[in-house]
Amino acid sequence: MMKRLYALLISAVCLWAPLHAQPLPGNIPFADGETLRYKAYFQLGLMTINGVSLESTVHIGNQQGTPVYDITAHGATEKTMKSLYKLQDTLKTRMRCSDLQTLSFYEHDMEHKYEAVKEHRYTPTGTGLQIDATENRNGGLLEQTFRFDDRRPTDALSILYRIRLYDFGKMKAGDKIRFCYFDMGGNTDIELTYRGQETVKLKNGKSYSCYKLSFSVADGTLFSKKEPVSVWIATGGSRPIVHAEAKLKIGYAKVDLVN
């Protein structure tokens, strides 16, 4: 359950890319050294359950002479929640600075009695993309190579940053963007819908002018199928995601930007 809450922010958006690299939709709003900190919580009627911290950082590195963005995201339970359920998840992605093409992805999940490590290597080809994937779940090793000729699916952490390039202010409410998220168990196509601008007030009292976007989820085991997952992206500054929420079978899971 806690991993799904973390995924609410990290895999909220997953880009579908065409056969050939597309031009970046706008200026890159994030820079070397950026750190975003979030708090996640459950809203169950009048009761609020806190206890999950999320943090993501950006650093500029180098891969064989090519400038790259190295992005790391970490989520963990804390305080009272930690004594009830221990979660410690780390995700890392590397993207080329020139076009934000994903080059590698790493994920290490430690939750209660479950542990998994994923390593995906992305290699652009003349006609598409090759992904060499390795996953180890509780000691069970899986290795497989995937080839795509007509699309370039990617990891969600990369797109959590790439989505910030889009100028949703030039879109109309109801406009849709098509997305695809790569996972060794299968690719997931998603349609993200722009809902318009609105002001969102966070739990700490801060308010932000935001672009609101939503998408439906196929998983009915935790999230509600009747209501979409929604994210709010700040209209100004570096346009970070400032809020996300999803309807659960009971209550809501929510994520707020702290600083």
Protein backbone atom coordinates (compact mmCIF):
# COMPACT_ATOMS: atom_id res chain seq x y z
CA MET A 1 0.00 0.00 0.00
CA MET A 2 2.78 2.44 0.87
CA LYS A 3 4.57 1.79 -2.41
CA ARG A 4 1.41 2.69 -4.31
CA LEU A 5 1.30 6.00 -2.44
CA TYR A 6 4.90 6.70 -3.46
CA ALA A 7 4.06 5.73 -7.04
CA LEU A 8 1.21 8.25 -7.01
CA LEU A 9 3.84 10.99 -7.33
CA ILE A 10 6.66 9.20 -9.08
CA SER A 11 4.60 7.46 -11.77
CA ALA A 12 1.88 10.02 -12.18
CA VAL A 13 3.06 10.81 -15.72
CA CYS A 14 4.73 8.52 -18.32
CA LEU A 15 5.61 9.92 -21.76
CA TRP A 16 4.86 8.26 -25.07
CA ALA A 17 7.55 9.27 -27.59
CA PRO A 18 7.43 8.82 -31.40
CA LEU A 19 9.86 6.90 -33.56
CA HIS A 20 12.32 9.76 -33.90
CA ALA A 21 13.42 12.05 -31.09
CA GLN A 22 10.99 14.95 -30.83
CA PRO A 23 12.13 18.51 -30.07
CA LEU A 24 11.84 19.59 -26.47
CA PRO A 25 8.53 21.41 -25.95
CA GLY A 26 10.11 24.27 -23.99
CA ASN A 27 13.03 25.53 -21.95
CA ILE A 28 14.23 23.14 -19.26
CA PRO A 29 12.94 24.58 -15.96
CA PHE A 30 15.07 22.52 -13.57
CA ALA A 31 18.77 22.96 -12.92
CA ASP A 32 21.79 21.35 -11.30
CA GLY A 33 21.30 21.13 -7.53
CA GLU A 34 17.51 21.40 -7.46
CA THR A 35 15.94 19.57 -4.51
CA LEU A 36 12.19 19.05 -4.06
CA ARG A 37 10.80 17.75 -0.76
CA TYR A 38 7.30 16.33 -0.31
CA LYS A 39 5.12 14.88 2.43
CA ALA A 40 2.58 12.15 1.70
CA TYR A 41 -0.44 11.33 3.82
CA PHE A 42 -3.77 9.53 3.92
CA GLN A 43 -7.07 11.36 4.36
CA LEU A 44 -9.64 9.00 5.88
CA GLY A 45 -12.75 11.06 6.52
CA LEU A 46 -11.84 13.56 9.26
CA MET A 47 -8.71 11.60 10.17
CA THR A 48 -5.29 12.33 8.63
CA ILE A 49 -2.45 9.79 8.78
CA ASN A 50 1.00 11.29 8.13
CA GLY A 51 4.35 9.59 7.95
CA VAL A 52 5.91 9.41 4.47
CA SER A 53 8.65 11.77 3.24
CA LEU A 54 9.70 12.08 -0.40
CA GLU A 55 12.73 13.90 -1.82
CA SER A 56 14.13 14.25 -5.33
CA THR A 57 17.37 15.90 -6.46
CA VAL A 58 18.95 16.88 -9.79
CA HIS A 59 22.66 16.86 -10.62
CA ILE A 60 24.44 17.34 -13.95
CA GLY A 61 26.95 14.60 -14.74
CA ASN A 62 28.80 13.14 -17.69
CA GLN A 63 28.53 9.84 -19.57
CA GLN A 64 31.28 9.21 -22.11
CA GLY A 65 31.58 12.92 -22.89
CA THR A 66 27.81 13.50 -23.02
CA PRO A 67 26.25 15.85 -20.42
CA VAL A 68 23.50 14.07 -18.50
CA TYR A 69 20.97 14.77 -15.77
CA ASP A 70 21.30 12.37 -12.83
CA ILE A 71 18.04 12.44 -10.88
CA THR A 72 17.51 10.60 -7.59
CA ALA A 73 14.23 10.20 -5.70
CA HIS A 74 13.90 8.70 -2.25
CA GLY A 75 10.83 7.86 -0.20
CA ALA A 76 10.65 6.54 3.36
CA THR A 77 8.24 6.15 6.23
CA GLU A 78 9.00 8.13 9.38
CA LYS A 79 7.98 8.59 13.00
CA THR A 80 4.87 6.62 14.05
CA MET A 81 4.24 5.24 10.57
CA LYS A 82 7.75 3.73 10.49
CA SER A 83 6.93 1.56 13.51
CA LEU A 84 3.82 0.27 11.74
CA TYR A 85 5.16 -0.15 8.21
CA LYS A 86 8.75 0.30 7.07
CA LEU A 87 9.29 1.64 3.57
CA GLN A 88 12.52 2.77 1.95
CA ASP A 89 12.42 3.20 -1.82
CA THR A 90 15.10 4.75 -4.05
CA LEU A 91 14.79 5.55 -7.75
CA LYS A 92 17.50 6.89 -10.05
CA THR A 93 17.32 7.93 -13.68
CA ARG A 94 19.87 9.32 -16.13
CA MET A 95 18.80 11.49 -19.10
CA ARG A 96 20.77 13.20 -21.86
CA CYS A 97 20.74 16.96 -21.33
CA SER A 98 20.27 17.63 -25.04
CA ASP A 99 16.92 15.87 -25.54
CA LEU A 100 16.09 14.24 -22.17
CA GLN A 101 16.35 10.76 -23.68
CA THR A 102 16.43 8.25 -20.81
CA LEU A 103 19.70 6.28 -20.73
CA SER A 104 19.29 4.23 -17.55
CA PHE A 105 16.92 3.62 -14.67
CA TYR A 106 17.46 2.04 -11.25
CA GLU A 107 14.97 1.24 -8.50
CA HIS A 108 15.50 -0.33 -5.07
CA ASP A 109 12.38 -1.09 -3.03
CA MET A 110 12.52 -2.21 0.60
CA GLU A 111 9.07 -2.61 2.10
CA HIS A 112 8.21 -4.81 5.07
CA LYS A 113 9.28 -8.32 3.92
CA TYR A 114 9.57 -7.37 0.25
CA GLU A 115 12.76 -6.27 -1.54
CA ALA A 116 13.28 -5.66 -5.25
CA VAL A 117 16.01 -4.17 -7.43
CA LYS A 118 15.37 -3.04 -11.02
CA GLU A 119 17.98 -1.93 -13.56
CA HIS A 120 16.94 -0.82 -17.05
CA ARG A 121 19.37 0.31 -19.76
CA TYR A 122 17.92 2.35 -22.65
CA THR A 123 19.74 2.33 -26.01
CA PRO A 124 18.36 4.48 -28.84
CA THR A 125 18.64 2.69 -32.20
CA GLY A 126 18.30 3.86 -35.78
CA THR A 127 14.67 2.79 -35.78
CA GLY A 128 13.57 3.09 -32.18
CA LEU A 129 14.72 1.90 -28.76
CA GLN A 130 16.20 -1.15 -27.06
CA ILE A 131 15.75 -1.74 -23.33
CA ASP A 132 17.86 -4.30 -21.46
CA ALA A 133 16.05 -4.98 -18.20
CA THR A 134 17.15 -6.85 -15.08
CA GLU A 135 14.91 -7.29 -12.04
CA ASN A 136 15.52 -9.17 -8.81
CA ARG A 137 12.46 -9.64 -6.59
CA ASN A 138 13.06 -11.38 -3.28
CA GLY A 139 15.90 -13.36 -4.83
CA GLY A 140 14.12 -14.21 -8.09
CA LEU A 141 16.17 -12.91 -11.05
CA LEU A 142 14.62 -11.90 -14.38
CA GLU A 143 16.56 -10.68 -17.42
CA GLN A 144 15.04 -9.66 -20.74
CA THR A 145 15.67 -7.43 -23.76
CA PHE A 146 12.86 -5.38 -25.30
CA ARG A 147 12.93 -3.72 -28.74
CA PHE A 148 10.55 -1.00 -29.91
CA ASP A 149 10.35 0.21 -33.50
CA ASP A 150 7.47 2.68 -33.29
CA ARG A 151 7.69 4.18 -29.79
CA ARG A 152 10.10 5.04 -27.01
CA PRO A 153 8.54 4.18 -23.65
CA THR A 154 10.45 5.40 -20.63
CA ASP A 155 10.53 5.37 -16.85
CA ALA A 156 8.14 7.54 -14.86
CA LEU A 157 10.81 9.40 -12.88
CA SER A 158 12.23 10.87 -16.10
CA ILE A 159 8.81 12.10 -17.09
CA LEU A 160 8.06 13.54 -13.69
CA TYR A 161 10.65 16.11 -14.79
CA ARG A 162 9.98 16.22 -18.54
CA ILE A 163 6.30 17.01 -18.03
CA ARG A 164 7.38 20.33 -16.49
CA LEU A 165 8.54 21.54 -19.92
CA TYR A 166 5.00 21.71 -21.34
CA ASP A 167 3.15 25.01 -21.47
CA PHE A 168 -0.29 23.82 -20.47
CA GLY A 169 -1.43 27.45 -20.46
CA LYS A 170 -1.60 27.21 -24.25
CA MET A 171 -3.86 24.15 -24.10
CA LYS A 172 -7.63 23.99 -23.74
CA ALA A 173 -9.39 22.17 -20.92
CA GLY A 174 -10.11 18.66 -22.14
CA ASP A 175 -7.03 18.41 -24.39
CA LYS A 176 -5.26 15.07 -24.04
CA ILE A 177 -1.69 13.82 -24.32
CA ARG A 178 -0.84 10.16 -24.89
CA PHE A 179 1.68 8.46 -22.62
CA CYS A 180 3.46 5.11 -22.27
CA TYR A 181 5.29 3.75 -19.20
CA PHE A 182 7.79 0.90 -19.50
CA ASP A 183 7.74 -1.95 -17.01
CA MET A 184 9.15 -5.42 -17.41
CA GLY A 185 5.67 -6.82 -16.83
CA GLY A 186 4.28 -4.85 -19.77
CA ASN A 187 3.88 -1.32 -21.10
CA THR A 188 1.03 0.87 -19.90
CA ASP A 189 -0.59 3.38 -22.25
CA ILE A 190 -2.11 6.37 -20.47
CA GLU A 191 -4.08 9.39 -21.62
CA LEU A 192 -3.43 12.46 -19.52
CA THR A 193 -6.14 15.14 -19.64
CA TYR A 194 -5.55 18.84 -19.03
CA ARG A 195 -8.34 20.18 -16.76
CA GLY A 196 -7.47 23.89 -16.72
CA GLN A 197 -5.98 26.28 -14.16
CA GLU A 198 -6.94 26.48 -10.51
CA THR A 199 -5.50 27.49 -7.17
CA VAL A 200 -4.65 24.61 -4.84
CA LYS A 201 -4.18 25.08 -1.10
CA LEU A 202 -1.85 22.63 0.60
CA LYS A 203 -2.12 21.20 4.07
CA ASN A 204 0.52 23.64 5.38
CA GLY A 205 -1.63 26.60 4.30
CA LYS A 206 0.40 27.59 1.23
CA SER A 207 -1.50 28.24 -2.01
CA TYR A 208 -0.25 27.84 -5.59
CA SER A 209 -1.64 28.76 -8.99
CA CYS A 210 -1.53 25.47 -10.89
CA TYR A 211 -2.30 23.56 -14.04
CA LYS A 212 -4.48 20.58 -13.13
CA LEU A 213 -4.10 17.28 -14.97
CA SER A 214 -5.72 13.90 -14.45
CA PHE A 215 -5.53 10.34 -15.71
CA SER A 216 -7.42 7.15 -15.06
CA VAL A 217 -5.80 4.06 -13.56
CA ALA A 218 -6.53 0.47 -14.48
CA ASP A 219 -5.57 -0.97 -11.11
CA GLY A 220 -8.66 -1.44 -8.97
CA THR A 221 -6.98 -3.18 -6.03
CA LEU A 222 -6.07 0.07 -4.24
CA PHE A 223 -7.06 3.09 -6.30
CA SER A 224 -10.66 3.76 -7.20
CA LYS A 225 -11.52 3.18 -10.87
CA LYS A 226 -14.32 5.74 -10.70
CA GLU A 227 -12.13 8.77 -9.97
CA PRO A 228 -8.89 9.68 -11.79
CA VAL A 229 -5.51 10.38 -10.23
CA SER A 230 -4.89 14.14 -10.33
CA VAL A 231 -1.71 16.24 -10.24
CA TRP A 232 -1.25 20.00 -9.90
CA ILE A 233 1.77 21.66 -11.58
CA ALA A 234 2.74 25.21 -10.58
CA THR A 235 2.17 27.75 -13.36
CA GLY A 236 5.20 29.85 -12.40
CA GLY A 237 8.87 29.51 -11.57
CA SER A 238 10.36 26.10 -12.33
CA ARG A 239 6.86 24.57 -12.56
CA PRO A 240 7.25 21.67 -10.11
CA ILE A 241 4.42 19.32 -9.20
CA VAL A 242 3.07 20.79 -5.96
CA HIS A 243 0.20 18.39 -5.19
CA ALA A 244 -1.10 14.97 -6.22
CA GLU A 245 -3.98 12.87 -4.99
CA ALA A 246 -5.86 9.67 -5.72
CA LYS A 247 -9.12 8.21 -4.46
CA LEU A 248 -8.57 5.00 -2.54
CA LYS A 249 -11.12 2.33 -1.76
CA ILE A 250 -11.36 4.17 1.57
CA GLY A 251 -10.35 7.85 1.65
CA TYR A 252 -7.60 9.58 -0.33
CA ALA A 253 -3.84 9.38 -0.73
CA LYS A 254 -2.27 12.84 -1.08
CA VAL A 255 1.18 14.31 -1.69
CA ASP A 256 2.17 17.94 -0.93
CA LEU A 257 5.27 19.92 -1.84
CA VAL A 258 7.06 21.07 1.34
CA ASN A 259 9.90 23.15 -0.14
